[in-house]
Amino acid sequence: MEKNFIDYIRVFCRSGHGGAGIKHFLRNKLTAKGGPDGGDGGRGAHIILKGNAQLWTLLHLRYLKNILAEDGAAGGHNNKTGRDGKDIIIEVPLGTIARDEETGKLEAEILEDGQEIILLKGGKGGLGNSNFATATNQVPEYAQPGEPGIEGWKLLELKVLADVGLVGFPNAGKSTLLSSITAAKPKIADYAFTTLVPQLGMVEYRDAKSFCIADLPGIIEGAAEGKGLGHRFLRHIERNAVLLFLIPADSNNHKKEFEVLVNELKEYNPEMLQKDFIIAISKSDMLDDELKDAIEKELPKNVPHVFISSVTGQGLVELKDILWQKLND
């Protein structure tokens, strides 16, 4: 699955040039010297991004290095307008953004199924000489060329869309939790970076309600500077409404671990600190009440916390309640 998850591509795009308007005068067996009848050129093809809820990766675009759209056709005589270029539609998963490589400017953001955004507009077709006839100039000898298309390198990035993002160091138990409260089946093993790509799962809540949770690759100190999986991981939590910090019960310092995780988010994007935080102490089946009390005293007072065990099911119902409440505040 890791090889199939592509969340970043760079591609050269060029929209179509507009077709030229033409200079032409009406000529037939009944008319030796008719007026201007040069038609307009057709519009160059657009390059369009379209949201597709069935896609979850940019894999299908991996080998697409150049996207060159069709030019509009030139106008014809008898005021015939040239054919428009055929637009190119690029289907992308929800959560995809497009930036201009040179300026870094955000140019498109796809969040809904079927949503279409023109990434690059095709050039307008030129006007034929029939458009320039006036009372004082009845035989215009000129027509407009079509407008050129637009070209440039574009960066497409996928940021996973989920209500809740699981944040924690490698081996905090994120994948185990996801498999316990959703139908997702992430890879689970006892070594760092088992999860190399985001895993999504739907959590069934009461009265047929549900919400989406994402198990994301583990943070390490320095992720904001690109260490470990770095920015590739951090971009996926920008869209999560609630961040669930998973800290294992056997951590040496629960407070320090939480502070390091929060600091990485702050270094990457200070706006991350505006999200709702929840702390879950995983692997809590190994704790007695005395140890739980000691850990509780370490944790920040302003962040809700819950002790859970994905193995025994301890605290999972309470965790769902807290998450649902946060999502619907």
Foldseek 3Di string as FASTA:
>chain_A
DLVQAAFKDKAKEWWAWWAWWEWDADPDPVDHGHFTFTAWWAWTAFEKEAEAQVDDHPNVCHPHHYHYWYYTHYTDGNHRYTHYTHYHYDYDYAQKWKAFPVPRDTQDHHHDHGDMDGSWTTWHIKGYCVVVADPVRRRDPDIGGTGGTDIGMMMMGGADAFQEEEAAAFPLCLQLLQVLQFVWRQDDDPDAFSPPAKDKGWGQAPPRDITIYIYFHYDDQCLLVPPDVRPSGLSRCPNHQEYEYRHELPDPARLVRVVSRVVSNCSNPVCSVVHAYEYEHEPCVPDDPVSVVVNVVRHDPVHHYFYAYSVVGPGVNVVVVVSVVRSVD
